[in-house]
N, C-alpha and C. Protein backbone atom coordinates (compact mmCIF):
# COMPACT_ATOMS: atom_id res chain seq x y z
N MET A 1 -11.78 -4.93 21.92
CA MET A 1 -10.46 -5.55 22.07
C MET A 1 -9.46 -4.51 22.57
N GLU A 2 -8.64 -4.86 23.57
CA GLU A 2 -7.62 -3.97 24.06
C GLU A 2 -6.60 -3.68 22.96
N ASP A 3 -5.99 -2.50 23.00
CA ASP A 3 -5.07 -2.11 21.95
C ASP A 3 -3.91 -3.08 21.80
N ASP A 4 -3.46 -3.67 22.92
CA ASP A 4 -2.31 -4.57 22.85
C ASP A 4 -2.71 -6.05 22.79
N ALA A 5 -4.01 -6.32 22.67
CA ALA A 5 -4.48 -7.70 22.60
C ALA A 5 -4.36 -8.22 21.18
N LEU A 6 -4.03 -9.49 21.05
CA LEU A 6 -3.99 -10.15 19.75
C LEU A 6 -5.36 -10.78 19.46
N ILE A 7 -5.66 -10.94 18.20
CA ILE A 7 -6.92 -11.56 17.82
C ILE A 7 -7.03 -12.96 18.43
N LEU A 8 -5.93 -13.69 18.44
CA LEU A 8 -5.97 -15.05 18.97
C LEU A 8 -6.04 -15.09 20.49
N ASP A 9 -5.90 -13.95 21.17
CA ASP A 9 -6.14 -13.91 22.61
C ASP A 9 -7.61 -14.18 22.91
N LEU A 10 -8.48 -13.79 21.99
CA LEU A 10 -9.91 -13.98 22.19
C LEU A 10 -10.35 -15.40 21.86
N GLN A 11 -9.62 -16.05 20.97
CA GLN A 11 -9.96 -17.43 20.57
C GLN A 11 -8.65 -18.19 20.38
N PRO A 12 -8.02 -18.60 21.49
CA PRO A 12 -6.71 -19.25 21.39
C PRO A 12 -6.75 -20.52 20.55
N LEU A 13 -5.62 -20.79 19.92
CA LEU A 13 -5.50 -22.01 19.13
C LEU A 13 -5.58 -23.25 20.03
N PRO A 14 -6.01 -24.37 19.49
CA PRO A 14 -6.05 -25.59 20.30
C PRO A 14 -4.67 -25.99 20.78
N ASP A 15 -4.61 -26.62 21.94
CA ASP A 15 -3.34 -27.15 22.44
C ASP A 15 -2.81 -28.21 21.47
N GLY A 16 -1.51 -28.29 21.40
CA GLY A 16 -0.89 -29.35 20.60
C GLY A 16 -0.39 -28.89 19.24
N ILE A 17 -0.72 -27.66 18.84
CA ILE A 17 -0.23 -27.15 17.56
C ILE A 17 1.25 -26.81 17.71
N ASP A 18 2.04 -27.20 16.73
CA ASP A 18 3.48 -26.93 16.72
C ASP A 18 3.76 -25.46 16.99
N GLU A 19 4.79 -25.16 17.77
CA GLU A 19 5.09 -23.79 18.19
C GLU A 19 5.35 -22.87 17.00
N ARG A 20 6.11 -23.35 16.02
CA ARG A 20 6.40 -22.51 14.85
C ARG A 20 5.11 -22.21 14.08
N LEU A 21 4.31 -23.24 13.85
CA LEU A 21 3.06 -23.04 13.13
C LEU A 21 2.13 -22.13 13.91
N ALA A 22 2.11 -22.25 15.22
CA ALA A 22 1.25 -21.39 16.04
C ALA A 22 1.66 -19.93 15.88
N ALA A 23 2.97 -19.66 15.83
CA ALA A 23 3.43 -18.28 15.64
C ALA A 23 3.02 -17.76 14.27
N GLN A 24 3.14 -18.60 13.25
CA GLN A 24 2.74 -18.19 11.90
C GLN A 24 1.25 -17.92 11.82
N LEU A 25 0.45 -18.77 12.46
CA LEU A 25 -1.00 -18.57 12.44
C LEU A 25 -1.40 -17.33 13.24
N THR A 26 -0.65 -17.04 14.30
CA THR A 26 -0.91 -15.82 15.07
C THR A 26 -0.69 -14.59 14.20
N PHE A 27 0.40 -14.59 13.45
CA PHE A 27 0.68 -13.47 12.53
C PHE A 27 -0.40 -13.36 11.46
N ILE A 28 -0.78 -14.50 10.89
CA ILE A 28 -1.81 -14.50 9.85
C ILE A 28 -3.13 -13.98 10.38
N ALA A 29 -3.46 -14.34 11.62
CA ALA A 29 -4.70 -13.84 12.23
C ALA A 29 -4.63 -12.33 12.40
N GLU A 30 -3.49 -11.81 12.85
CA GLU A 30 -3.35 -10.36 12.99
C GLU A 30 -3.45 -9.66 11.63
N ALA A 31 -2.91 -10.30 10.60
CA ALA A 31 -2.97 -9.71 9.26
C ALA A 31 -4.41 -9.59 8.77
N ASP A 32 -5.33 -10.36 9.35
CA ASP A 32 -6.74 -10.24 8.97
C ASP A 32 -7.28 -8.85 9.27
N ARG A 33 -6.63 -8.14 10.20
CA ARG A 33 -7.04 -6.77 10.51
C ARG A 33 -6.92 -5.86 9.29
N LEU A 34 -6.06 -6.22 8.35
CA LEU A 34 -5.85 -5.38 7.17
C LEU A 34 -7.16 -5.19 6.40
N LYS A 35 -8.05 -6.17 6.51
CA LYS A 35 -9.33 -6.08 5.81
C LYS A 35 -10.23 -5.00 6.39
N THR A 36 -9.90 -4.52 7.58
CA THR A 36 -10.74 -3.51 8.24
C THR A 36 -10.17 -2.10 8.10
N VAL A 37 -8.96 -1.97 7.55
CA VAL A 37 -8.32 -0.66 7.44
C VAL A 37 -8.77 0.00 6.13
N LEU A 38 -9.58 1.04 6.26
CA LEU A 38 -10.10 1.71 5.07
C LEU A 38 -9.11 2.73 4.55
N ARG A 39 -8.96 2.75 3.23
CA ARG A 39 -8.16 3.75 2.56
C ARG A 39 -9.07 4.87 2.06
N ALA A 40 -8.48 5.95 1.61
CA ALA A 40 -9.28 7.05 1.06
C ALA A 40 -9.80 6.73 -0.33
N SER A 41 -9.09 5.85 -1.05
CA SER A 41 -9.44 5.58 -2.45
C SER A 41 -10.79 4.90 -2.59
N PRO A 42 -11.57 5.31 -3.60
CA PRO A 42 -12.86 4.66 -3.85
C PRO A 42 -12.67 3.39 -4.67
N LEU A 43 -13.62 2.48 -4.52
CA LEU A 43 -13.65 1.33 -5.41
C LEU A 43 -14.23 1.73 -6.76
N ALA A 44 -13.86 1.00 -7.78
CA ALA A 44 -14.43 1.25 -9.10
C ALA A 44 -15.78 0.55 -9.26
N ALA A 45 -15.96 -0.59 -8.57
CA ALA A 45 -17.13 -1.43 -8.82
C ALA A 45 -18.20 -1.32 -7.74
N ALA A 46 -18.00 -0.50 -6.72
CA ALA A 46 -18.99 -0.35 -5.65
C ALA A 46 -18.85 1.03 -5.04
N ASP A 47 -19.94 1.49 -4.41
CA ASP A 47 -19.95 2.83 -3.83
C ASP A 47 -19.43 2.77 -2.39
N ARG A 48 -18.15 2.49 -2.27
CA ARG A 48 -17.50 2.49 -0.96
C ARG A 48 -15.99 2.63 -1.17
N ARG A 49 -15.27 2.83 -0.07
CA ARG A 49 -13.81 2.94 -0.14
C ARG A 49 -13.18 1.55 -0.10
N GLU A 50 -12.01 1.43 -0.67
CA GLU A 50 -11.31 0.15 -0.62
C GLU A 50 -10.62 -0.02 0.72
N ASN A 51 -10.40 -1.28 1.10
CA ASN A 51 -9.62 -1.52 2.30
C ASN A 51 -8.20 -1.94 1.90
N ASP A 52 -7.33 -2.00 2.90
CA ASP A 52 -5.92 -2.25 2.64
C ASP A 52 -5.67 -3.62 2.02
N ALA A 53 -6.45 -4.62 2.43
CA ALA A 53 -6.25 -5.96 1.87
C ALA A 53 -6.61 -5.98 0.39
N GLU A 54 -7.69 -5.29 0.04
CA GLU A 54 -8.07 -5.20 -1.37
C GLU A 54 -7.00 -4.45 -2.17
N HIS A 55 -6.48 -3.41 -1.57
CA HIS A 55 -5.41 -2.63 -2.23
C HIS A 55 -4.19 -3.51 -2.48
N SER A 56 -3.77 -4.27 -1.48
CA SER A 56 -2.58 -5.11 -1.62
C SER A 56 -2.77 -6.17 -2.70
N TRP A 57 -3.96 -6.78 -2.73
CA TRP A 57 -4.25 -7.77 -3.78
C TRP A 57 -4.19 -7.11 -5.15
N HIS A 58 -4.76 -5.91 -5.27
CA HIS A 58 -4.80 -5.23 -6.56
C HIS A 58 -3.39 -4.91 -7.04
N LEU A 59 -2.53 -4.49 -6.10
CA LEU A 59 -1.14 -4.20 -6.47
C LEU A 59 -0.44 -5.45 -6.97
N ALA A 60 -0.64 -6.58 -6.26
CA ALA A 60 0.00 -7.83 -6.68
C ALA A 60 -0.44 -8.22 -8.09
N LEU A 61 -1.72 -8.09 -8.38
CA LEU A 61 -2.23 -8.40 -9.72
C LEU A 61 -1.61 -7.48 -10.76
N MET A 62 -1.51 -6.20 -10.44
CA MET A 62 -0.95 -5.24 -11.38
C MET A 62 0.53 -5.52 -11.65
N VAL A 63 1.27 -5.91 -10.62
CA VAL A 63 2.68 -6.26 -10.83
C VAL A 63 2.80 -7.42 -11.81
N VAL A 64 1.97 -8.45 -11.62
CA VAL A 64 2.02 -9.62 -12.50
C VAL A 64 1.71 -9.22 -13.94
N LEU A 65 0.68 -8.40 -14.12
CA LEU A 65 0.21 -8.08 -15.46
C LEU A 65 1.03 -6.99 -16.16
N LEU A 66 1.63 -6.08 -15.38
CA LEU A 66 2.29 -4.92 -15.97
C LEU A 66 3.81 -4.95 -15.89
N ALA A 67 4.36 -6.07 -15.43
CA ALA A 67 5.82 -6.17 -15.26
C ALA A 67 6.58 -5.88 -16.55
N GLU A 68 5.96 -6.16 -17.68
CA GLU A 68 6.65 -5.93 -18.96
C GLU A 68 6.97 -4.46 -19.19
N TYR A 69 6.32 -3.57 -18.45
CA TYR A 69 6.55 -2.14 -18.65
C TYR A 69 7.62 -1.57 -17.71
N ALA A 70 8.18 -2.40 -16.85
CA ALA A 70 9.24 -1.92 -15.96
C ALA A 70 10.44 -1.46 -16.77
N ASP A 71 11.02 -0.33 -16.42
CA ASP A 71 12.17 0.19 -17.16
C ASP A 71 13.40 -0.70 -16.99
N ALA A 72 13.52 -1.33 -15.83
CA ALA A 72 14.62 -2.27 -15.57
C ALA A 72 14.03 -3.65 -15.35
N PRO A 73 14.71 -4.71 -15.78
CA PRO A 73 14.18 -6.06 -15.57
C PRO A 73 13.92 -6.31 -14.09
N ILE A 74 12.81 -6.98 -13.79
CA ILE A 74 12.48 -7.27 -12.39
C ILE A 74 12.18 -8.75 -12.21
N ASP A 75 12.38 -9.22 -10.99
CA ASP A 75 11.93 -10.54 -10.56
C ASP A 75 10.49 -10.35 -10.11
N VAL A 76 9.54 -10.84 -10.91
CA VAL A 76 8.13 -10.59 -10.65
C VAL A 76 7.70 -11.17 -9.31
N GLY A 77 8.15 -12.38 -9.00
CA GLY A 77 7.78 -12.99 -7.73
C GLY A 77 8.24 -12.16 -6.55
N HIS A 78 9.46 -11.65 -6.64
CA HIS A 78 9.98 -10.82 -5.56
C HIS A 78 9.20 -9.51 -5.45
N ALA A 79 8.87 -8.91 -6.58
CA ALA A 79 8.09 -7.67 -6.57
C ALA A 79 6.71 -7.89 -5.97
N VAL A 80 6.11 -9.05 -6.25
CA VAL A 80 4.81 -9.37 -5.65
C VAL A 80 4.94 -9.46 -4.13
N LYS A 81 5.99 -10.12 -3.65
CA LYS A 81 6.20 -10.19 -2.20
C LYS A 81 6.28 -8.79 -1.60
N LEU A 82 6.99 -7.89 -2.25
CA LEU A 82 7.15 -6.53 -1.73
C LEU A 82 5.82 -5.81 -1.59
N VAL A 83 4.98 -5.88 -2.63
CA VAL A 83 3.73 -5.13 -2.56
C VAL A 83 2.72 -5.78 -1.62
N VAL A 84 2.82 -7.09 -1.43
CA VAL A 84 1.93 -7.76 -0.48
C VAL A 84 2.31 -7.40 0.96
N VAL A 85 3.59 -7.24 1.21
CA VAL A 85 4.08 -6.98 2.57
C VAL A 85 4.00 -5.50 2.96
N HIS A 86 4.11 -4.59 1.99
CA HIS A 86 4.43 -3.21 2.34
C HIS A 86 3.37 -2.50 3.18
N ASP A 87 2.11 -2.88 3.08
CA ASP A 87 1.07 -2.21 3.87
C ASP A 87 0.65 -2.99 5.11
N LEU A 88 1.29 -4.12 5.39
CA LEU A 88 0.90 -4.91 6.56
C LEU A 88 0.99 -4.10 7.85
N VAL A 89 1.94 -3.19 7.93
CA VAL A 89 2.10 -2.41 9.16
C VAL A 89 0.88 -1.58 9.48
N GLU A 90 0.03 -1.35 8.49
CA GLU A 90 -1.14 -0.51 8.73
C GLU A 90 -2.20 -1.21 9.57
N VAL A 91 -2.02 -2.51 9.87
CA VAL A 91 -2.94 -3.16 10.81
C VAL A 91 -2.85 -2.49 12.17
N TYR A 92 -1.70 -1.91 12.51
CA TYR A 92 -1.52 -1.17 13.75
C TYR A 92 -1.37 0.33 13.53
N ALA A 93 -0.73 0.72 12.43
CA ALA A 93 -0.44 2.13 12.20
C ALA A 93 -1.59 2.88 11.54
N GLY A 94 -2.50 2.15 10.89
CA GLY A 94 -3.58 2.79 10.16
C GLY A 94 -3.10 3.36 8.84
N ASP A 95 -4.04 3.74 8.00
CA ASP A 95 -3.71 4.33 6.70
C ASP A 95 -3.41 5.82 6.89
N SER A 96 -2.53 6.34 6.05
CA SER A 96 -2.18 7.77 6.10
C SER A 96 -2.46 8.37 4.72
N PRO A 97 -3.65 8.95 4.51
CA PRO A 97 -3.98 9.51 3.20
C PRO A 97 -2.94 10.53 2.75
N VAL A 98 -2.46 10.38 1.53
CA VAL A 98 -1.33 11.19 1.08
C VAL A 98 -1.68 12.66 0.93
N TYR A 99 -2.96 12.99 0.75
CA TYR A 99 -3.34 14.38 0.58
C TYR A 99 -3.81 15.02 1.89
N ASP A 100 -3.59 14.34 3.01
CA ASP A 100 -3.91 14.88 4.33
C ASP A 100 -2.61 15.18 5.06
N PRO A 101 -2.17 16.44 5.09
CA PRO A 101 -0.86 16.78 5.67
C PRO A 101 -0.71 16.32 7.12
N GLN A 102 -1.77 16.38 7.91
CA GLN A 102 -1.69 15.97 9.31
C GLN A 102 -1.48 14.47 9.44
N ALA A 103 -2.08 13.70 8.53
CA ALA A 103 -2.02 12.24 8.63
C ALA A 103 -0.62 11.71 8.37
N VAL A 104 0.18 12.43 7.62
CA VAL A 104 1.51 11.93 7.26
C VAL A 104 2.64 12.49 8.14
N LEU A 105 2.29 13.34 9.11
CA LEU A 105 3.33 13.97 9.93
C LEU A 105 4.18 12.95 10.67
N ASP A 106 3.53 12.00 11.34
CA ASP A 106 4.26 11.00 12.12
C ASP A 106 4.16 9.61 11.51
N GLN A 107 3.88 9.56 10.21
CA GLN A 107 3.65 8.27 9.54
C GLN A 107 4.84 7.33 9.70
N GLN A 108 6.04 7.81 9.46
CA GLN A 108 7.20 6.94 9.51
C GLN A 108 7.39 6.33 10.90
N ALA A 109 7.25 7.15 11.93
CA ALA A 109 7.43 6.64 13.30
C ALA A 109 6.36 5.62 13.65
N ARG A 110 5.11 5.90 13.26
CA ARG A 110 4.02 4.96 13.54
C ARG A 110 4.24 3.63 12.83
N GLU A 111 4.68 3.70 11.58
CA GLU A 111 4.84 2.48 10.81
C GLU A 111 6.06 1.68 11.27
N GLU A 112 7.12 2.35 11.68
CA GLU A 112 8.28 1.64 12.22
C GLU A 112 7.90 0.89 13.49
N ALA A 113 7.16 1.54 14.37
CA ALA A 113 6.72 0.90 15.61
C ALA A 113 5.80 -0.28 15.30
N ALA A 114 4.91 -0.11 14.32
CA ALA A 114 4.01 -1.19 13.94
C ALA A 114 4.77 -2.37 13.35
N ALA A 115 5.80 -2.09 12.55
CA ALA A 115 6.61 -3.16 11.98
C ALA A 115 7.31 -3.95 13.07
N ASP A 116 7.86 -3.24 14.06
CA ASP A 116 8.53 -3.92 15.18
C ASP A 116 7.56 -4.85 15.90
N ARG A 117 6.37 -4.37 16.13
CA ARG A 117 5.37 -5.15 16.88
C ARG A 117 4.84 -6.33 16.07
N LEU A 118 4.46 -6.07 14.83
CA LEU A 118 3.79 -7.10 14.03
C LEU A 118 4.74 -8.20 13.60
N PHE A 119 5.87 -7.83 13.03
CA PHE A 119 6.76 -8.84 12.46
C PHE A 119 7.39 -9.72 13.54
N SER A 120 7.46 -9.21 14.77
CA SER A 120 8.04 -9.99 15.85
C SER A 120 7.17 -11.18 16.26
N LEU A 121 5.94 -11.21 15.77
CA LEU A 121 5.06 -12.35 16.06
C LEU A 121 5.50 -13.60 15.32
N LEU A 122 6.24 -13.44 14.23
CA LEU A 122 6.66 -14.56 13.41
C LEU A 122 7.87 -15.28 14.02
N PRO A 123 8.11 -16.53 13.60
CA PRO A 123 9.39 -17.16 13.95
C PRO A 123 10.54 -16.26 13.49
N ALA A 124 11.66 -16.30 14.19
CA ALA A 124 12.75 -15.34 13.97
C ALA A 124 13.20 -15.26 12.53
N ASP A 125 13.31 -16.40 11.85
CA ASP A 125 13.81 -16.36 10.46
C ASP A 125 12.82 -15.66 9.54
N GLN A 126 11.53 -15.93 9.74
CA GLN A 126 10.53 -15.27 8.89
C GLN A 126 10.34 -13.81 9.28
N ALA A 127 10.46 -13.51 10.58
CA ALA A 127 10.39 -12.12 11.02
C ALA A 127 11.47 -11.29 10.32
N ARG A 128 12.66 -11.85 10.25
CA ARG A 128 13.77 -11.17 9.59
C ARG A 128 13.50 -11.01 8.09
N GLU A 129 13.00 -12.07 7.46
CA GLU A 129 12.72 -12.03 6.01
C GLU A 129 11.65 -10.99 5.68
N ILE A 130 10.55 -10.99 6.42
CA ILE A 130 9.46 -10.06 6.13
C ILE A 130 9.89 -8.62 6.42
N ARG A 131 10.65 -8.43 7.50
CA ARG A 131 11.13 -7.08 7.80
C ARG A 131 12.06 -6.58 6.71
N GLU A 132 12.90 -7.46 6.19
CA GLU A 132 13.81 -7.06 5.10
C GLU A 132 13.02 -6.68 3.84
N LEU A 133 11.95 -7.40 3.56
CA LEU A 133 11.10 -7.04 2.42
C LEU A 133 10.47 -5.67 2.63
N TRP A 134 9.97 -5.45 3.84
CA TRP A 134 9.33 -4.16 4.14
C TRP A 134 10.34 -3.03 4.03
N ASP A 135 11.52 -3.23 4.60
CA ASP A 135 12.57 -2.20 4.52
C ASP A 135 13.00 -1.95 3.08
N GLU A 136 13.07 -3.01 2.28
CA GLU A 136 13.46 -2.86 0.88
C GLU A 136 12.46 -2.00 0.12
N PHE A 137 11.17 -2.28 0.34
CA PHE A 137 10.15 -1.48 -0.34
C PHE A 137 10.25 -0.02 0.09
N GLU A 138 10.38 0.21 1.39
CA GLU A 138 10.44 1.58 1.90
C GLU A 138 11.63 2.33 1.31
N ALA A 139 12.77 1.67 1.19
CA ALA A 139 13.97 2.32 0.67
C ALA A 139 13.87 2.60 -0.83
N GLY A 140 13.16 1.75 -1.56
CA GLY A 140 12.98 1.94 -3.00
C GLY A 140 14.26 1.92 -3.79
N ALA A 141 15.25 1.15 -3.33
CA ALA A 141 16.57 1.17 -3.97
C ALA A 141 16.78 0.07 -5.00
N THR A 142 15.90 -0.93 -5.04
CA THR A 142 16.04 -2.03 -6.00
C THR A 142 15.04 -1.85 -7.14
N PRO A 143 15.28 -2.46 -8.30
CA PRO A 143 14.31 -2.35 -9.39
C PRO A 143 12.92 -2.82 -8.98
N GLU A 144 12.86 -3.91 -8.20
CA GLU A 144 11.56 -4.44 -7.77
C GLU A 144 10.84 -3.45 -6.85
N ALA A 145 11.59 -2.84 -5.93
CA ALA A 145 10.99 -1.88 -5.02
C ALA A 145 10.52 -0.62 -5.76
N ARG A 146 11.33 -0.15 -6.70
CA ARG A 146 10.93 1.02 -7.48
C ARG A 146 9.67 0.73 -8.28
N PHE A 147 9.62 -0.46 -8.89
CA PHE A 147 8.43 -0.80 -9.66
C PHE A 147 7.22 -0.94 -8.74
N GLY A 148 7.41 -1.59 -7.60
CA GLY A 148 6.31 -1.72 -6.64
C GLY A 148 5.79 -0.37 -6.19
N LYS A 149 6.69 0.56 -5.92
CA LYS A 149 6.29 1.90 -5.53
C LYS A 149 5.54 2.61 -6.66
N GLY A 150 6.02 2.40 -7.88
CA GLY A 150 5.33 3.00 -9.02
C GLY A 150 3.91 2.47 -9.16
N ILE A 151 3.75 1.17 -8.99
CA ILE A 151 2.41 0.57 -9.07
C ILE A 151 1.54 1.06 -7.92
N ASP A 152 2.15 1.27 -6.75
CA ASP A 152 1.42 1.78 -5.59
C ASP A 152 0.92 3.20 -5.83
N ARG A 153 1.60 3.94 -6.69
CA ARG A 153 1.13 5.28 -7.07
C ARG A 153 0.09 5.20 -8.19
N LEU A 154 0.29 4.28 -9.13
CA LEU A 154 -0.61 4.19 -10.28
C LEU A 154 -2.00 3.68 -9.89
N GLN A 155 -2.05 2.70 -8.99
CA GLN A 155 -3.34 2.07 -8.66
C GLN A 155 -4.38 3.07 -8.16
N PRO A 156 -4.06 3.94 -7.18
CA PRO A 156 -5.07 4.91 -6.77
C PRO A 156 -5.39 5.94 -7.85
N MET A 157 -4.42 6.25 -8.72
CA MET A 157 -4.73 7.15 -9.82
C MET A 157 -5.80 6.54 -10.73
N LEU A 158 -5.66 5.24 -11.00
CA LEU A 158 -6.64 4.57 -11.83
C LEU A 158 -8.01 4.58 -11.16
N LEU A 159 -8.05 4.31 -9.84
CA LEU A 159 -9.32 4.33 -9.13
C LEU A 159 -9.93 5.73 -9.12
N ASN A 160 -9.09 6.74 -8.96
CA ASN A 160 -9.60 8.12 -9.00
C ASN A 160 -10.18 8.44 -10.37
N TRP A 161 -9.48 8.00 -11.40
CA TRP A 161 -9.99 8.22 -12.76
C TRP A 161 -11.35 7.56 -12.94
N LEU A 162 -11.47 6.32 -12.51
CA LEU A 162 -12.71 5.58 -12.68
C LEU A 162 -13.85 6.17 -11.86
N ALA A 163 -13.51 6.85 -10.76
CA ALA A 163 -14.52 7.46 -9.90
C ALA A 163 -14.85 8.90 -10.31
N GLY A 164 -14.18 9.39 -11.33
CA GLY A 164 -14.41 10.78 -11.73
C GLY A 164 -13.85 11.78 -10.74
N GLY A 165 -12.74 11.43 -10.13
CA GLY A 165 -12.08 12.35 -9.21
C GLY A 165 -11.55 11.67 -7.97
N GLY A 166 -12.40 10.96 -7.24
CA GLY A 166 -11.97 10.23 -6.06
C GLY A 166 -11.22 11.11 -5.08
N THR A 167 -10.04 10.66 -4.65
CA THR A 167 -9.27 11.42 -3.65
C THR A 167 -8.68 12.70 -4.22
N TRP A 168 -8.75 12.88 -5.53
CA TRP A 168 -8.30 14.14 -6.10
C TRP A 168 -9.17 15.31 -5.62
N SER A 169 -10.34 15.00 -5.06
CA SER A 169 -11.21 16.07 -4.56
C SER A 169 -10.92 16.43 -3.12
N MET A 170 -9.97 15.73 -2.45
CA MET A 170 -9.63 16.05 -1.07
C MET A 170 -9.01 17.45 -0.99
N PRO A 171 -9.20 18.15 0.14
CA PRO A 171 -8.70 19.52 0.25
C PRO A 171 -7.21 19.69 -0.07
N GLY A 172 -6.38 18.71 0.29
CA GLY A 172 -4.95 18.85 0.07
C GLY A 172 -4.47 18.42 -1.31
N ALA A 173 -5.39 17.99 -2.16
CA ALA A 173 -4.99 17.48 -3.48
C ALA A 173 -5.01 18.61 -4.51
N THR A 174 -3.83 19.09 -4.83
CA THR A 174 -3.69 20.08 -5.90
C THR A 174 -2.95 19.42 -7.06
N GLU A 175 -2.94 20.10 -8.19
CA GLU A 175 -2.24 19.54 -9.35
C GLU A 175 -0.78 19.25 -9.01
N ALA A 176 -0.13 20.15 -8.29
CA ALA A 176 1.28 19.96 -7.97
C ALA A 176 1.49 18.70 -7.15
N ARG A 177 0.61 18.45 -6.18
CA ARG A 177 0.75 17.26 -5.34
C ARG A 177 0.42 15.99 -6.12
N VAL A 178 -0.57 16.08 -6.99
CA VAL A 178 -0.90 14.92 -7.82
C VAL A 178 0.25 14.63 -8.78
N ARG A 179 0.85 15.67 -9.33
CA ARG A 179 2.01 15.48 -10.23
C ARG A 179 3.18 14.84 -9.48
N ALA A 180 3.34 15.18 -8.21
CA ALA A 180 4.41 14.58 -7.42
C ALA A 180 4.19 13.08 -7.27
N ARG A 181 2.94 12.67 -7.12
CA ARG A 181 2.62 11.24 -7.06
C ARG A 181 2.87 10.59 -8.42
N GLU A 182 2.53 11.30 -9.48
CA GLU A 182 2.76 10.81 -10.84
C GLU A 182 4.24 10.54 -11.07
N ALA A 183 5.10 11.36 -10.50
CA ALA A 183 6.55 11.20 -10.68
C ALA A 183 7.03 9.86 -10.17
N GLY A 184 6.36 9.31 -9.15
CA GLY A 184 6.73 7.99 -8.65
C GLY A 184 6.46 6.89 -9.65
N VAL A 185 5.46 7.07 -10.48
CA VAL A 185 5.18 6.11 -11.55
C VAL A 185 6.24 6.23 -12.63
N VAL A 186 6.55 7.45 -13.00
CA VAL A 186 7.54 7.72 -14.04
C VAL A 186 8.90 7.12 -13.67
N ALA A 187 9.24 7.18 -12.38
CA ALA A 187 10.53 6.68 -11.93
C ALA A 187 10.69 5.19 -12.13
N ALA A 188 9.58 4.48 -12.22
CA ALA A 188 9.61 3.02 -12.38
C ALA A 188 9.38 2.58 -13.81
N SER A 189 8.62 3.38 -14.56
CA SER A 189 8.22 2.95 -15.90
C SER A 189 7.82 4.16 -16.73
N ALA A 190 8.55 4.39 -17.80
CA ALA A 190 8.21 5.50 -18.69
C ALA A 190 6.83 5.30 -19.31
N ALA A 191 6.53 4.06 -19.70
CA ALA A 191 5.24 3.79 -20.35
C ALA A 191 4.08 4.00 -19.39
N LEU A 192 4.20 3.46 -18.17
CA LEU A 192 3.13 3.63 -17.19
C LEU A 192 3.06 5.08 -16.73
N GLY A 193 4.21 5.74 -16.67
CA GLY A 193 4.23 7.16 -16.33
C GLY A 193 3.50 7.99 -17.36
N ASP A 194 3.66 7.66 -18.64
CA ASP A 194 2.93 8.36 -19.70
C ASP A 194 1.43 8.20 -19.52
N ALA A 195 1.00 6.97 -19.19
CA ALA A 195 -0.43 6.71 -19.00
C ALA A 195 -0.96 7.50 -17.80
N ALA A 196 -0.18 7.50 -16.70
CA ALA A 196 -0.59 8.28 -15.53
C ALA A 196 -0.68 9.76 -15.87
N GLY A 197 0.29 10.25 -16.63
CA GLY A 197 0.28 11.66 -17.01
C GLY A 197 -0.94 12.04 -17.82
N LEU A 198 -1.36 11.16 -18.71
CA LEU A 198 -2.55 11.44 -19.51
C LEU A 198 -3.80 11.49 -18.63
N MET A 199 -3.88 10.60 -17.62
CA MET A 199 -5.02 10.63 -16.71
C MET A 199 -5.03 11.94 -15.91
N VAL A 200 -3.85 12.36 -15.46
CA VAL A 200 -3.79 13.61 -14.69
C VAL A 200 -4.11 14.80 -15.58
N ASP A 201 -3.54 14.83 -16.78
CA ASP A 201 -3.83 15.93 -17.71
C ASP A 201 -5.34 16.08 -17.92
N GLU A 202 -5.99 14.95 -18.19
CA GLU A 202 -7.43 14.99 -18.46
C GLU A 202 -8.22 15.29 -17.20
N GLY A 203 -7.70 14.80 -16.04
CA GLY A 203 -8.35 15.12 -14.78
C GLY A 203 -8.35 16.62 -14.49
N VAL A 204 -7.24 17.27 -14.83
CA VAL A 204 -7.16 18.73 -14.68
C VAL A 204 -8.13 19.39 -15.65
N ARG A 205 -8.14 18.94 -16.89
CA ARG A 205 -9.01 19.55 -17.91
C ARG A 205 -10.48 19.44 -17.52
N ARG A 206 -10.85 18.31 -16.90
CA ARG A 206 -12.25 18.10 -16.52
C ARG A 206 -12.62 18.74 -15.18
N GLY A 207 -11.64 19.34 -14.52
CA GLY A 207 -11.93 19.99 -13.25
C GLY A 207 -11.93 19.06 -12.05
N TRP A 208 -11.44 17.85 -12.22
CA TRP A 208 -11.36 16.89 -11.11
C TRP A 208 -10.19 17.19 -10.19
N ILE A 209 -9.19 17.88 -10.72
CA ILE A 209 -7.98 18.21 -9.97
C ILE A 209 -7.83 19.73 -9.98
N ARG A 210 -7.71 20.32 -8.79
CA ARG A 210 -7.54 21.76 -8.69
C ARG A 210 -6.12 22.15 -9.07
N THR A 211 -5.99 23.26 -9.77
CA THR A 211 -4.65 23.71 -10.18
C THR A 211 -3.92 24.42 -9.06
N SER A 212 -4.64 24.81 -8.00
CA SER A 212 -4.00 25.50 -6.88
C SER A 212 -4.85 25.31 -5.62
N GLU A 213 -4.32 25.74 -4.47
CA GLU A 213 -5.08 25.70 -3.22
C GLU A 213 -6.29 26.62 -3.32
N GLY A 214 -7.32 26.31 -2.52
CA GLY A 214 -8.47 27.19 -2.49
C GLY A 214 -9.61 26.74 -3.34
């Protein structure tokens, strides 16, 4: 498939479908690419890496189940929307592993360009709504966005714990960098931050997390 080709270019929708619905289905078809974007994080239940769609579903489930631990009251439905939308841009931008310094150098520019391209496929009102959700998550200025970001930090920590190290074994993963990720959990929830801290403490003790470079 050409880089600028849409999935529905290969199998166009039947004639006669309403224009608004056709735009929505085009976006939904493009979002199917999220299932092919591999993350660095390992799965707990299988010997493979998770994909972005699995990650987004897991975050949504965690928001529903763990909302009671948010330090500030949140609208759970809104927080679910934020975590479902926030990685959609990776259908074009790809994943940027947090412990790979080269991968994150141009991450913001790549994701902004991907957001412009992807969200413009929707009808104008929905394009605006989804872009506002994405921007809200990125800014992290609302209680829902802060909690979503905290859950986005906690989820891979849990997977790393279950894998006996996971991405903590990557060359760029030192205790200081892992602690920086832990701080994002703490910023959203003291209780969840405490749990993350205990996993990191024990990960260091077991040798899963290096205390320094080298």
